[in-house]
Amino acid sequence: MQARRTARELALLGISQLPATSERLEPQELHDVLIAAVRTLTAEGQESLETAVSELQRSSDRLLGSQIRANDLDIARAMVHEAIELVQGAINRLSTALELPELVQLANQQEVRDYALDILIQVNSHKAEIDQLLTDAMVDWQLNRLARIDRDILRIAVAELMYLNLKEQVAINEAIELAKRYSDEESYRFINGVLRRFVDKLKTTVPELTVES
């Protein structure tokens, strides 16, 4: 489970580096995309640490300022509140950064790379079909209006369902986990709804295809 979860995350980072056109890439080109994704993970860890340090420094400055410069209790409270928010943000970033070395290590394992490559191959080979299926599953919304990260999470889920034989509930749950990590609460709820409509529509329009729960 952990290996495939890491593979999905690696594929998600890799999809953003695929060309916008529908050109087919050779396996070696896709492998190079994965290497770039690993480097992105490493850079993200460094950036998270640097941002956390910066936020901690800002929170310290705010707390100090609230003690020596504020003449009004409400101003002091506001400054302390902002400092606390900065500290919380720094803690969250540090938590993410601490997880990244393990992700990078896992990303270098053959099992993880192979499955991430499988995802990239399917998304790259069937992008037009996947996008049409997702468009058909949307209500009063357009795929190209979504944030890119949300589109890519949806594409991974559909690719796993359609071409990698992943079970319905697993695909949906894993897409939600990706959205929680890389997007926000509103997005993961939206992604959940789109995928459930997609599965329902798939069962209706292709009766001979059984999507396992």
Protein backbone atom coordinates (compact mmCIF):
# COMPACT_ATOMS: atom_id res chain seq x y z
CA MET A 1 0.00 0.00 0.00
CA GLN A 2 2.74 2.47 0.97
CA ALA A 3 4.73 1.70 -2.17
CA ARG A 4 1.77 2.38 -4.46
CA ARG A 5 0.77 5.47 -2.50
CA THR A 6 4.26 6.86 -2.97
CA ALA A 7 4.11 5.87 -6.64
CA ARG A 8 0.91 7.89 -7.06
CA GLU A 9 2.51 10.89 -5.44
CA LEU A 10 5.54 10.53 -7.68
CA ALA A 11 3.30 10.18 -10.74
CA LEU A 12 1.33 13.27 -9.69
CA LEU A 13 4.53 15.30 -9.56
CA GLY A 14 5.59 13.77 -12.87
CA ILE A 15 2.35 14.50 -14.74
CA SER A 16 2.88 18.22 -14.20
CA GLN A 17 6.11 17.87 -16.20
CA LEU A 18 4.55 16.10 -19.17
CA PRO A 19 4.08 18.17 -22.33
CA ALA A 20 0.73 19.90 -22.67
CA THR A 21 0.25 18.37 -26.12
CA SER A 22 -0.99 14.81 -26.62
CA GLU A 23 2.31 13.53 -27.99
CA ARG A 24 3.28 10.02 -26.95
CA LEU A 25 6.48 9.72 -24.97
CA GLU A 26 8.93 6.86 -25.06
CA PRO A 27 9.45 4.84 -21.83
CA GLN A 28 12.90 6.41 -21.35
CA GLU A 29 11.41 9.90 -21.62
CA LEU A 30 8.81 9.01 -19.01
CA HIS A 31 11.55 7.55 -16.81
CA ASP A 32 13.36 10.88 -17.05
CA VAL A 33 10.14 12.56 -15.93
CA LEU A 34 10.16 10.37 -12.81
CA ILE A 35 13.74 11.33 -12.04
CA ALA A 36 12.73 14.98 -12.32
CA ALA A 37 9.83 14.28 -9.96
CA VAL A 38 12.19 12.85 -7.35
CA ARG A 39 14.29 15.99 -7.63
CA THR A 40 11.12 18.04 -7.18
CA LEU A 41 10.40 16.15 -3.94
CA THR A 42 13.90 16.93 -2.69
CA ALA A 43 13.58 20.61 -3.59
CA GLU A 44 10.15 20.77 -1.95
CA GLY A 45 11.64 19.48 1.30
CA GLN A 46 14.33 22.13 1.26
CA GLU A 47 11.80 24.85 0.45
CA SER A 48 9.51 23.70 3.26
CA LEU A 49 12.33 23.91 5.76
CA GLU A 50 13.39 27.36 4.58
CA THR A 51 9.80 28.65 4.67
CA ALA A 52 9.27 27.21 8.15
CA VAL A 53 12.38 28.98 9.44
CA SER A 54 11.19 32.23 7.88
CA GLU A 55 7.73 31.89 9.42
CA LEU A 56 9.18 31.13 12.84
CA GLN A 57 11.32 34.25 12.60
CA ARG A 58 8.34 36.37 11.58
CA SER A 59 6.27 34.97 14.45
CA SER A 60 9.08 35.79 16.87
CA ASP A 61 9.23 39.36 15.54
CA ARG A 62 5.47 39.69 15.88
CA LEU A 63 5.46 38.46 19.46
CA LEU A 64 8.29 40.81 20.39
CA GLY A 65 6.54 43.69 18.64
CA SER A 66 3.31 43.02 20.49
CA GLN A 67 5.16 43.39 23.79
CA ILE A 68 7.20 46.51 23.19
CA ARG A 69 5.33 48.54 20.55
CA ALA A 70 1.63 47.92 20.95
CA ASN A 71 -0.25 50.64 22.85
CA ASP A 72 -3.61 48.98 22.42
CA LEU A 73 -4.69 45.59 23.76
CA ASP A 74 -6.59 44.73 20.56
CA ILE A 75 -3.52 45.44 18.43
CA ALA A 76 -1.40 43.27 20.69
CA ARG A 77 -3.91 40.44 20.49
CA ALA A 78 -4.01 40.66 16.69
CA MET A 79 -0.21 40.51 16.50
CA VAL A 80 -0.07 37.51 18.83
CA HIS A 81 -2.80 35.77 16.83
CA GLU A 82 -0.87 36.30 13.60
CA ALA A 83 2.29 35.00 15.29
CA ILE A 84 0.47 31.84 16.38
CA GLU A 85 -0.80 31.27 12.83
CA LEU A 86 2.73 31.65 11.49
CA VAL A 87 4.02 29.13 14.04
CA GLN A 88 1.29 26.68 13.08
CA GLY A 89 2.17 27.09 9.42
CA ALA A 90 5.82 26.52 10.19
CA ILE A 91 5.03 23.36 12.15
CA ASN A 92 2.95 22.01 9.27
CA ARG A 93 5.73 22.70 6.80
CA LEU A 94 8.29 21.09 9.06
CA SER A 95 6.07 18.03 9.37
CA THR A 96 5.87 17.77 5.58
CA ALA A 97 9.61 18.26 5.22
CA LEU A 98 10.32 15.48 7.72
CA GLU A 99 8.25 13.06 5.64
CA LEU A 100 10.01 13.88 2.38
CA PRO A 101 13.30 12.02 2.96
CA GLU A 102 11.30 8.81 3.36
CA LEU A 103 9.34 9.62 0.20
CA VAL A 104 12.54 10.26 -1.73
CA GLN A 105 14.00 6.98 -0.47
CA LEU A 106 10.83 5.09 -1.45
CA ALA A 107 10.74 6.85 -4.80
CA ASN A 108 14.09 5.30 -5.64
CA GLN A 109 12.75 1.77 -5.11
CA GLN A 110 12.07 -0.21 -8.27
CA GLU A 111 8.53 -1.22 -7.24
CA VAL A 112 7.57 2.41 -6.72
CA ARG A 113 9.16 3.59 -9.95
CA ASP A 114 7.54 0.81 -11.95
CA TYR A 115 4.03 1.62 -10.77
CA ALA A 116 4.54 5.36 -11.14
CA LEU A 117 5.75 4.69 -14.68
CA ASP A 118 2.66 2.55 -15.34
CA ILE A 119 0.45 5.47 -14.28
CA LEU A 120 2.34 7.96 -16.44
CA ILE A 121 2.20 5.66 -19.47
CA GLN A 122 -1.57 5.23 -19.16
CA VAL A 123 -2.26 8.93 -18.56
CA ASN A 124 0.02 9.92 -21.41
CA SER A 125 -1.40 7.32 -23.81
CA HIS A 126 -5.08 7.85 -23.01
CA LYS A 127 -5.19 11.49 -21.94
CA ALA A 128 -7.87 12.55 -24.45
CA GLU A 129 -10.13 9.65 -23.53
CA ILE A 130 -9.59 10.15 -19.78
CA ASP A 131 -10.37 13.86 -20.05
CA GLN A 132 -13.55 13.17 -22.00
CA LEU A 133 -14.70 10.62 -19.43
CA LEU A 134 -14.09 13.13 -16.64
CA THR A 135 -15.87 15.90 -18.55
CA ASP A 136 -18.90 13.65 -18.97
CA ALA A 137 -18.92 13.00 -15.21
CA MET A 138 -18.94 16.66 -14.25
CA VAL A 139 -22.03 18.69 -13.43
CA ASP A 140 -22.05 22.40 -14.33
CA TRP A 141 -18.26 22.47 -14.43
CA GLN A 142 -15.46 22.15 -16.98
CA LEU A 143 -12.28 20.12 -16.60
CA ASN A 144 -10.07 22.92 -17.90
CA ARG A 145 -11.40 25.24 -15.17
CA LEU A 146 -10.04 23.03 -12.39
CA ALA A 147 -6.70 23.67 -10.75
CA ARG A 148 -4.08 21.61 -12.54
CA ILE A 149 -3.29 19.55 -9.45
CA ASP A 150 -6.97 18.56 -9.14
CA ARG A 151 -7.17 17.60 -12.82
CA ASP A 152 -4.08 15.44 -12.50
CA ILE A 153 -5.39 13.68 -9.38
CA LEU A 154 -8.60 12.86 -11.26
CA ARG A 155 -6.62 11.62 -14.26
CA ILE A 156 -4.57 9.28 -12.09
CA ALA A 157 -7.69 7.82 -10.49
CA VAL A 158 -9.40 7.21 -13.84
CA ALA A 159 -6.23 5.71 -15.31
CA GLU A 160 -5.96 3.31 -12.39
CA LEU A 161 -9.63 2.36 -12.65
CA MET A 162 -9.75 1.96 -16.42
CA TYR A 163 -6.33 0.59 -17.29
CA LEU A 164 -4.62 -0.68 -14.12
CA ASN A 165 -7.56 -2.63 -12.65
CA LEU A 166 -7.63 -0.81 -9.34
CA LYS A 167 -10.76 -1.33 -7.28
CA GLU A 168 -13.30 1.47 -7.23
CA GLN A 169 -13.18 2.38 -3.55
CA VAL A 170 -9.39 2.17 -3.39
CA ALA A 171 -9.00 4.50 -6.37
CA ILE A 172 -11.41 7.03 -4.88
CA ASN A 173 -9.86 6.88 -1.41
CA GLU A 174 -6.34 7.28 -2.77
CA ALA A 175 -7.39 10.25 -4.90
CA ILE A 176 -8.87 11.87 -1.80
CA GLU A 177 -5.63 11.30 0.11
CA LEU A 178 -3.65 12.96 -2.67
CA ALA A 179 -6.05 15.90 -2.67
CA LYS A 180 -5.78 16.29 1.10
CA ARG A 181 -2.01 16.45 0.80
CA TYR A 182 -1.68 18.65 -2.25
CA SER A 183 -4.98 20.55 -2.49
CA ASP A 184 -7.66 21.58 0.03
CA GLU A 185 -10.85 20.34 1.68
CA GLU A 186 -13.13 21.81 -0.97
CA SER A 187 -11.11 20.13 -3.71
CA TYR A 188 -11.04 16.68 -2.17
CA ARG A 189 -14.80 16.77 -1.67
CA PHE A 190 -15.25 17.81 -5.29
CA ILE A 191 -12.88 15.07 -6.49
CA ASN A 192 -14.79 12.50 -4.46
CA GLY A 193 -18.06 13.56 -6.07
CA VAL A 194 -16.68 13.53 -9.63
CA LEU A 195 -15.16 10.07 -9.25
CA ARG A 196 -18.33 8.60 -7.76
CA ARG A 197 -20.38 10.01 -10.66
CA PHE A 198 -17.76 8.67 -13.08
CA VAL A 199 -18.02 5.17 -11.61
CA ASP A 200 -21.83 5.26 -11.62
CA LYS A 201 -21.86 6.45 -15.23
CA LEU A 202 -19.34 3.81 -16.23
CA LYS A 203 -21.47 1.03 -14.80
CA THR A 204 -24.53 2.40 -16.62
CA THR A 205 -22.99 3.02 -20.03
CA VAL A 206 -20.76 -0.06 -20.11
CA PRO A 207 -22.88 -2.82 -18.49
CA GLU A 208 -20.42 -5.56 -19.36
CA LEU A 209 -17.68 -3.75 -17.48
CA THR A 210 -17.69 -4.53 -13.76
CA VAL A 211 -15.96 -2.02 -11.55
CA GLU A 212 -15.16 -3.83 -8.31
CA SER A 213 -15.99 -2.15 -5.02
